[in-house]
């Protein structure tokens, strides 16, 4: 995912803070706040964790054996 990076001065950030937050939230943009041409703060989106919940209709019917997150790429390349 490509993110948008922009630099804004303190006055612009103060005047448009709600719009900047909306952009950060919706478009995953990153803003660097500058004072006298030097970066002083960064406004970045927080990565939200996904909640994985089992489907109610499959409760207790599916069992996972092994490691779902193991790196098995070598097994696939040699097959």
PDB file of N, CA and C in Angstrom:
ATOM      1  N   UNK A   1       0.849  -1.172   0.000  1.00  0.00           N
ATOM      2  CA  UNK A   1       0.000   0.000   0.000  1.00  0.00           C
ATOM      3  C   UNK A   1       0.891   1.230   0.000  1.00  0.00           C
ATOM      4  N   UNK A   2       0.677   2.082  -0.945  1.00  0.00           N
ATOM      5  CA  UNK A   2       1.470   3.300  -0.985  1.00  0.00           C
ATOM      6  C   UNK A   2       0.789   4.368  -0.143  1.00  0.00           C
ATOM      7  N   UNK A   3       1.585   5.088   0.602  1.00  0.00           N
ATOM      8  CA  UNK A   3       1.017   6.136   1.440  1.00  0.00           C
ATOM      9  C   UNK A   3       1.475   7.495   0.933  1.00  0.00           C
ATOM     10  N   UNK A   4       0.692   8.495   1.237  1.00  0.00           N
ATOM     11  CA  UNK A   4       0.972   9.860   0.826  1.00  0.00           C
ATOM     12  C   UNK A   4       1.768  10.528   1.936  1.00  0.00           C
ATOM     13  N   UNK A   5       2.851  11.197   1.585  1.00  0.00           N
ATOM     14  CA  UNK A   5       3.661  11.921   2.552  1.00  0.00           C
ATOM     15  C   UNK A   5       3.673  13.390   2.163  1.00  0.00           C
ATOM     16  N   UNK A   6       3.406  14.256   3.142  1.00  0.00           N
ATOM     17  CA  UNK A   6       3.393  15.695   2.874  1.00  0.00           C
ATOM     18  C   UNK A   6       3.985  16.436   4.058  1.00  0.00           C
ATOM     19  N   UNK A   7       4.540  17.602   3.785  1.00  0.00           N
ATOM     20  CA  UNK A   7       5.088  18.464   4.835  1.00  0.00           C
ATOM     21  C   UNK A   7       4.218  19.708   4.938  1.00  0.00           C
ATOM     22  N   UNK A   8       3.871  20.084   6.162  1.00  0.00           N
ATOM     23  CA  UNK A   8       3.076  21.289   6.398  1.00  0.00           C
ATOM     24  C   UNK A   8       3.738  22.094   7.503  1.00  0.00           C
ATOM     25  N   UNK A   9       3.597  23.427   7.435  1.00  0.00           N
ATOM     26  CA  UNK A   9       4.153  24.239   8.512  1.00  0.00           C
ATOM     27  C   UNK A   9       3.167  24.263   9.682  1.00  0.00           C
ATOM     28  N   UNK A  10       3.612  24.749  10.811  1.00  0.00           N
ATOM     29  CA  UNK A  10       2.816  24.723  12.037  1.00  0.00           C
ATOM     30  C   UNK A  10       1.496  25.471  11.862  1.00  0.00           C
ATOM     31  N   UNK A  11       1.536  26.649  11.249  1.00  0.00           N
ATOM     32  CA  UNK A  11       0.310  27.436  11.077  1.00  0.00           C
ATOM     33  C   UNK A  11      -0.699  26.714  10.192  1.00  0.00           C
ATOM     34  N   UNK A  12      -0.233  26.109   9.119  1.00  0.00           N
ATOM     35  CA  UNK A  12      -1.118  25.369   8.225  1.00  0.00           C
ATOM     36  C   UNK A  12      -1.701  24.142   8.930  1.00  0.00           C
ATOM     37  N   UNK A  13      -0.879  23.463   9.714  1.00  0.00           N
ATOM     38  CA  UNK A  13      -1.368  22.296  10.456  1.00  0.00           C
ATOM     39  C   UNK A  13      -2.426  22.703  11.474  1.00  0.00           C
ATOM     40  N   UNK A  14      -2.213  23.825  12.132  1.00  0.00           N
ATOM     41  CA  UNK A  14      -3.171  24.304  13.130  1.00  0.00           C
ATOM     42  C   UNK A  14      -4.492  24.703  12.473  1.00  0.00           C
ATOM     43  N   UNK A  15      -4.418  25.388  11.350  1.00  0.00           N
ATOM     44  CA  UNK A  15      -5.624  25.868  10.673  1.00  0.00           C
ATOM     45  C   UNK A  15      -6.421  24.729  10.037  1.00  0.00           C
ATOM     46  N   UNK A  16      -5.739  23.678   9.592  1.00  0.00           N
ATOM     47  CA  UNK A  16      -6.403  22.591   8.858  1.00  0.00           C
ATOM     48  C   UNK A  16      -6.299  21.249   9.581  1.00  0.00           C
ATOM     49  N   UNK A  17      -6.254  21.266  10.910  1.00  0.00           N
ATOM     50  CA  UNK A  17      -5.994  20.044  11.657  1.00  0.00           C
ATOM     51  C   UNK A  17      -7.056  18.969  11.410  1.00  0.00           C
ATOM     52  N   UNK A  18      -8.329  19.340  11.388  1.00  0.00           N
ATOM     53  CA  UNK A  18      -9.397  18.358  11.154  1.00  0.00           C
ATOM     54  C   UNK A  18      -9.288  17.737   9.775  1.00  0.00           C
ATOM     55  N   UNK A  19      -8.990  18.535   8.776  1.00  0.00           N
ATOM     56  CA  UNK A  19      -8.845  18.019   7.414  1.00  0.00           C
ATOM     57  C   UNK A  19      -7.627  17.102   7.305  1.00  0.00           C
ATOM     58  N   UNK A  20      -6.547  17.463   7.987  1.00  0.00           N
ATOM     59  CA  UNK A  20      -5.346  16.625   7.968  1.00  0.00           C
ATOM     60  C   UNK A  20      -5.633  15.282   8.628  1.00  0.00           C
ATOM     61  N   UNK A  21      -6.337  15.294   9.770  1.00  0.00           N
ATOM     62  CA  UNK A  21      -6.684  14.035  10.433  1.00  0.00           C
ATOM     63  C   UNK A  21      -7.597  13.177   9.565  1.00  0.00           C
ATOM     64  N   UNK A  22      -8.535  13.796   8.877  1.00  0.00           N
ATOM     65  CA  UNK A  22      -9.421  13.046   7.985  1.00  0.00           C
ATOM     66  C   UNK A  22      -8.621  12.381   6.866  1.00  0.00           C
ATOM     67  N   UNK A  23      -7.642  13.098   6.343  1.00  0.00           N
ATOM     68  CA  UNK A  23      -6.800  12.547   5.281  1.00  0.00           C
ATOM     69  C   UNK A  23      -5.932  11.398   5.799  1.00  0.00           C
ATOM     70  N   UNK A  24      -5.402  11.559   6.984  1.00  0.00           N
ATOM     71  CA  UNK A  24      -4.588  10.501   7.597  1.00  0.00           C
ATOM     72  C   UNK A  24      -5.438   9.259   7.806  1.00  0.00           C
ATOM     73  N   UNK A  25      -6.654   9.451   8.280  1.00  0.00           N
ATOM     74  CA  UNK A  25      -7.527   8.319   8.565  1.00  0.00           C
ATOM     75  C   UNK A  25      -8.016   7.616   7.307  1.00  0.00           C
ATOM     76  N   UNK A  26      -8.448   8.373   6.316  1.00  0.00           N
ATOM     77  CA  UNK A  26      -9.061   7.767   5.140  1.00  0.00           C
ATOM     78  C   UNK A  26      -8.055   7.313   4.087  1.00  0.00           C
ATOM     79  N   UNK A  27      -6.982   8.067   3.891  1.00  0.00           N
ATOM     80  CA  UNK A  27      -6.039   7.748   2.807  1.00  0.00           C
ATOM     81  C   UNK A  27      -4.696   7.252   3.303  1.00  0.00           C
ATOM     82  N   UNK A  28      -4.577   7.026   4.627  1.00  0.00           N
ATOM     83  CA  UNK A  28      -3.326   6.550   5.221  1.00  0.00           C
ATOM     84  C   UNK A  28      -2.163   7.488   4.897  1.00  0.00           C
ATOM     85  N   UNK A  29      -2.429   8.787   4.890  1.00  0.00           N
ATOM     86  CA  UNK A  29      -1.414   9.797   4.597  1.00  0.00           C
ATOM     87  C   UNK A  29      -0.550  10.042   5.828  1.00  0.00           C
ATOM     88  N   UNK A  30       0.665  10.504   5.598  1.00  0.00           N
ATOM     89  CA  UNK A  30       1.589  10.869   6.666  1.00  0.00           C
ATOM     90  C   UNK A  30       1.972  12.330   6.476  1.00  0.00           C
ATOM     91  N   UNK A  31       1.890  13.113   7.544  1.00  0.00           N
ATOM     92  CA  UNK A  31       2.246  14.528   7.486  1.00  0.00           C
ATOM     93  C   UNK A  31       3.410  14.798   8.426  1.00  0.00           C
ATOM     94  N   UNK A  32       4.371  15.579   7.956  1.00  0.00           N
ATOM     95  CA  UNK A  32       5.464  16.056   8.785  1.00  0.00           C
ATOM     96  C   UNK A  32       5.220  17.529   9.053  1.00  0.00           C
ATOM     97  N   UNK A  33       5.155  17.878  10.338  1.00  0.00           N
ATOM     98  CA  UNK A  33       4.920  19.268  10.726  1.00  0.00           C
ATOM     99  C   UNK A  33       6.275  19.954  10.860  1.00  0.00           C
ATOM    100  N   UNK A  34       6.429  21.074  10.155  1.00  0.00           N
ATOM    101  CA  UNK A  34       7.703  21.784  10.106  1.00  0.00           C
ATOM    102  C   UNK A  34       7.595  23.115  10.850  1.00  0.00           C
ATOM    103  N   UNK A  35       8.666  23.479  11.553  1.00  0.00           N
ATOM    104  CA  UNK A  35       8.763  24.805  12.178  1.00  0.00           C
ATOM    105  C   UNK A  35      10.093  25.394  11.726  1.00  0.00           C
ATOM    106  N   UNK A  36      10.023  26.541  11.076  1.00  0.00           N
ATOM    107  CA  UNK A  36      11.204  27.218  10.539  1.00  0.00           C
ATOM    108  C   UNK A  36      12.015  26.291   9.627  1.00  0.00           C
ATOM    109  N   UNK A  37      11.300  25.461   8.869  1.00  0.00           N
ATOM    110  CA  UNK A  37      11.945  24.585   7.905  1.00  0.00           C
ATOM    111  C   UNK A  37      12.536  23.310   8.492  1.00  0.00           C
ATOM    112  N   UNK A  38      12.321  23.054   9.768  1.00  0.00           N
ATOM    113  CA  UNK A  38      12.846  21.847  10.415  1.00  0.00           C
ATOM    114  C   UNK A  38      11.681  20.985  10.903  1.00  0.00           C
ATOM    115  N   UNK A  39      11.755  19.681  10.700  1.00  0.00           N
ATOM    116  CA  UNK A  39      10.668  18.819  11.157  1.00  0.00           C
ATOM    117  C   UNK A  39      10.612  18.755  12.687  1.00  0.00           C
ATOM    118  N   UNK A  40       9.404  18.892  13.232  1.00  0.00           N
ATOM    119  CA  UNK A  40       9.225  18.839  14.690  1.00  0.00           C
ATOM    120  C   UNK A  40       8.241  17.756  15.119  1.00  0.00           C
ATOM    121  N   UNK A  41       7.378  17.312  14.217  1.00  0.00           N
ATOM    122  CA  UNK A  41       6.399  16.286  14.576  1.00  0.00           C
ATOM    123  C   UNK A  41       5.955  15.561  13.310  1.00  0.00           C
ATOM    124  N   UNK A  42       5.395  14.384  13.517  1.00  0.00           N
ATOM    125  CA  UNK A  42       4.864  13.611  12.399  1.00  0.00           C
ATOM    126  C   UNK A  42       3.478  13.111  12.787  1.00  0.00           C
ATOM    127  N   UNK A  43       2.534  13.247  11.883  1.00  0.00           N
ATOM    128  CA  UNK A  43       1.180  12.742  12.080  1.00  0.00           C
ATOM    129  C   UNK A  43       1.045  11.522  11.175  1.00  0.00           C
ATOM    130  N   UNK A  44       0.909  10.358  11.788  1.00  0.00           N
ATOM    131  CA  UNK A  44       0.866   9.099  11.038  1.00  0.00           C
ATOM    132  C   UNK A  44      -0.370   8.296  11.444  1.00  0.00           C
ATOM    133  N   UNK A  45      -0.872   7.459  10.543  1.00  0.00           N
ATOM    134  CA  UNK A  45      -2.018   6.622  10.901  1.00  0.00           C
ATOM    135  C   UNK A  45      -1.588   5.477  11.818  1.00  0.00           C
ATOM    136  N   UNK A  46      -2.498   5.070  12.657  1.00  0.00           N
ATOM    137  CA  UNK A  46      -2.258   3.919  13.525  1.00  0.00           C
ATOM    138  C   UNK A  46      -2.750   2.684  12.799  1.00  0.00           C
ATOM    139  N   UNK A  47      -1.911   1.656  12.764  1.00  0.00           N
ATOM    140  CA  UNK A  47      -2.323   0.415  12.127  1.00  0.00           C
ATOM    141  C   UNK A  47      -3.312  -0.294  13.035  1.00  0.00           C
ATOM    142  N   UNK A  48      -4.461  -0.572  12.477  1.00  0.00           N
ATOM    143  CA  UNK A  48      -5.491  -1.245  13.250  1.00  0.00           C
ATOM    144  C   UNK A  48      -5.295  -2.750  13.154  1.00  0.00           C
ATOM    145  N   UNK A  49      -5.454  -3.409  14.276  1.00  0.00           N
ATOM    146  CA  UNK A  49      -5.328  -4.860  14.276  1.00  0.00           C
ATOM    147  C   UNK A  49      -6.646  -5.476  13.821  1.00  0.00           C
ATOM    148  N   UNK A  50      -6.518  -6.514  13.044  1.00  0.00           N
ATOM    149  CA  UNK A  50      -7.705  -7.215  12.579  1.00  0.00           C
ATOM    150  C   UNK A  50      -8.137  -8.195  13.645  1.00  0.00           C
ATOM    151  N   UNK A  51      -9.413  -8.212  13.915  1.00  0.00           N
ATOM    152  CA  UNK A  51      -9.953  -9.186  14.850  1.00  0.00           C
ATOM    153  C   UNK A  51     -10.446 -10.383  14.047  1.00  0.00           C
ATOM    154  N   UNK A  52      -9.859 -11.516  14.308  1.00  0.00           N
ATOM    155  CA  UNK A  52     -10.249 -12.733  13.607  1.00  0.00           C
ATOM    156  C   UNK A  52     -11.165 -13.517  14.532  1.00  0.00           C
ATOM    157  N   UNK A  53     -12.390 -13.660  14.091  1.00  0.00           N
ATOM    158  CA  UNK A  53     -13.362 -14.405  14.879  1.00  0.00           C
ATOM    159  C   UNK A  53     -13.844 -15.602  14.059  1.00  0.00           C
ATOM    160  N   UNK A  54     -14.008 -16.729  14.683  1.00  0.00           N
ATOM    161  CA  UNK A  54     -14.513 -17.889  13.939  1.00  0.00           C
ATOM    162  C   UNK A  54     -15.976 -17.694  13.557  1.00  0.00           C
ATOM    163  N   UNK A  55     -16.359 -18.308  12.474  1.00  0.00           N
ATOM    164  CA  UNK A  55     -17.754 -18.257  12.063  1.00  0.00           C
ATOM    165  C   UNK A  55     -18.570 -19.134  13.009  1.00  0.00           C
ATOM    166  N   UNK A  56     -19.705 -18.646  13.481  1.00  0.00           N
ATOM    167  CA  UNK A  56     -20.488 -19.406  14.461  1.00  0.00           C
ATOM    168  C   UNK A  56     -20.935 -20.780  13.961  1.00  0.00           C
ATOM    169  N   UNK A  57     -21.220 -20.896  12.674  1.00  0.00           N
ATOM    170  CA  UNK A  57     -21.726 -22.173  12.155  1.00  0.00           C
ATOM    171  C   UNK A  57     -20.647 -23.260  12.126  1.00  0.00           C
ATOM    172  N   UNK A  58     -19.366 -22.883  12.191  1.00  0.00           N
ATOM    173  CA  UNK A  58     -18.286 -23.858  12.166  1.00  0.00           C
ATOM    174  C   UNK A  58     -17.658 -24.072  13.539  1.00  0.00           C
ATOM    175  N   UNK A  59     -18.268 -23.544  14.574  1.00  0.00           N
ATOM    176  CA  UNK A  59     -17.703 -23.643  15.913  1.00  0.00           C
ATOM    177  C   UNK A  59     -17.468 -25.080  16.334  1.00  0.00           C
ATOM    178  N   UNK A  60     -16.223 -25.427  16.614  1.00  0.00           N
ATOM    179  CA  UNK A  60     -15.864 -26.760  17.072  1.00  0.00           C
ATOM    180  C   UNK A  60     -15.799 -27.816  15.985  1.00  0.00           C
ATOM    181  N   UNK A  61     -16.065 -27.485  14.734  1.00  0.00           N
ATOM    182  CA  UNK A  61     -16.080 -28.464  13.652  1.00  0.00           C
ATOM    183  C   UNK A  61     -14.774 -28.522  12.867  1.00  0.00           C
ATOM    184  N   UNK A  62     -13.946 -27.493  12.981  1.00  0.00           N
ATOM    185  CA  UNK A  62     -12.705 -27.426  12.217  1.00  0.00           C
ATOM    186  C   UNK A  62     -11.531 -27.408  13.187  1.00  0.00           C
ATOM    187  N   UNK A  63     -10.570 -28.275  12.917  1.00  0.00           N
ATOM    188  CA  UNK A  63      -9.358 -28.312  13.732  1.00  0.00           C
ATOM    189  C   UNK A  63      -8.170 -28.029  12.821  1.00  0.00           C
ATOM    190  N   UNK A  64      -7.280 -27.170  13.262  1.00  0.00           N
ATOM    191  CA  UNK A  64      -6.096 -26.823  12.487  1.00  0.00           C
ATOM    192  C   UNK A  64      -4.912 -27.556  13.090  1.00  0.00           C
ATOM    193  N   UNK A  65      -4.210 -28.297  12.252  1.00  0.00           N
ATOM    194  CA  UNK A  65      -3.036 -29.034  12.707  1.00  0.00           C
ATOM    195  C   UNK A  65      -1.811 -28.428  12.036  1.00  0.00           C
ATOM    196  N   UNK A  66      -0.777 -28.194  12.786  1.00  0.00           N
ATOM    197  CA  UNK A  66       0.440 -27.627  12.235  1.00  0.00           C
ATOM    198  C   UNK A  66       0.474 -26.123  12.430  1.00  0.00           C
ATOM    199  N   UNK A  67       1.495 -25.512  11.841  1.00  0.00           N
ATOM    200  CA  UNK A  67       1.713 -24.082  11.987  1.00  0.00           C
ATOM    201  C   UNK A  67       1.255 -23.381  10.715  1.00  0.00           C
ATOM    202  N   UNK A  68       0.205 -22.575  10.841  1.00  0.00           N
ATOM    203  CA  UNK A  68      -0.318 -21.861   9.672  1.00  0.00           C
ATOM    204  C   UNK A  68       0.621 -20.777   9.172  1.00  0.00           C
ATOM    205  N   UNK A  69       1.501 -20.279  10.043  1.00  0.00           N
ATOM    206  CA  UNK A  69       2.344 -19.153   9.690  1.00  0.00           C
ATOM    207  C   UNK A  69       3.792 -19.562   9.434  1.00  0.00           C
ATOM    208  N   UNK A  70       4.070 -20.845   9.338  1.00  0.00           N
ATOM    209  CA  UNK A  70       5.435 -21.303   9.084  1.00  0.00           C
ATOM    210  C   UNK A  70       5.825 -20.985   7.639  1.00  0.00           C
ATOM    211  N   UNK A  71       7.078 -20.725   7.425  1.00  0.00           N
ATOM    212  CA  UNK A  71       7.590 -20.427   6.079  1.00  0.00           C
ATOM    213  C   UNK A  71       7.905 -21.738   5.380  1.00  0.00           C
ATOM    214  N   UNK A  72       6.961 -22.206   4.560  1.00  0.00           N
ATOM    215  CA  UNK A  72       7.129 -23.459   3.824  1.00  0.00           C
ATOM    216  C   UNK A  72       7.484 -23.217   2.366  1.00  0.00           C
ATOM    217  N   UNK A  73       8.017 -22.065   2.037  1.00  0.00           N
ATOM    218  CA  UNK A  73       8.308 -21.750   0.639  1.00  0.00           C
ATOM    219  C   UNK A  73       9.343 -22.697   0.038  1.00  0.00           C
ATOM    220  N   UNK A  74      10.274 -23.181   0.833  1.00  0.00           N
ATOM    221  CA  UNK A  74      11.292 -24.110   0.315  1.00  0.00           C
ATOM    222  C   UNK A  74      10.633 -25.426  -0.109  1.00  0.00           C
ATOM    223  N   UNK A  75       9.619 -25.854   0.603  1.00  0.00           N
ATOM    224  CA  UNK A  75       8.923 -27.090   0.237  1.00  0.00           C
ATOM    225  C   UNK A  75       8.210 -26.945  -1.102  1.00  0.00           C
ATOM    226  N   UNK A  76       7.644 -25.778  -1.357  1.00  0.00           N
ATOM    227  CA  UNK A  76       6.951 -25.553  -2.608  1.00  0.00           C
ATOM    228  C   UNK A  76       7.926 -25.418  -3.776  1.00  0.00           C
ATOM    229  N   UNK A  77       9.070 -24.828  -3.545  1.00  0.00           N
ATOM    230  CA  UNK A  77      10.045 -24.627  -4.619  1.00  0.00           C
ATOM    231  C   UNK A  77      10.689 -25.941  -5.034  1.00  0.00           C
ATOM    232  N   UNK A  78      10.846 -26.876  -4.119  1.00  0.00           N
ATOM    233  CA  UNK A  78      11.495 -28.150  -4.425  1.00  0.00           C
ATOM    234  C   UNK A  78      10.526 -29.178  -4.943  1.00  0.00           C
ATOM    235  N   UNK A  79       9.243 -28.901  -4.936  1.00  0.00           N
ATOM    236  CA  UNK A  79       8.234 -29.886  -5.356  1.00  0.00           C
ATOM    237  C   UNK A  79       8.180 -30.005  -6.849  1.00  0.00           C
TER     238      UNK A  79
END
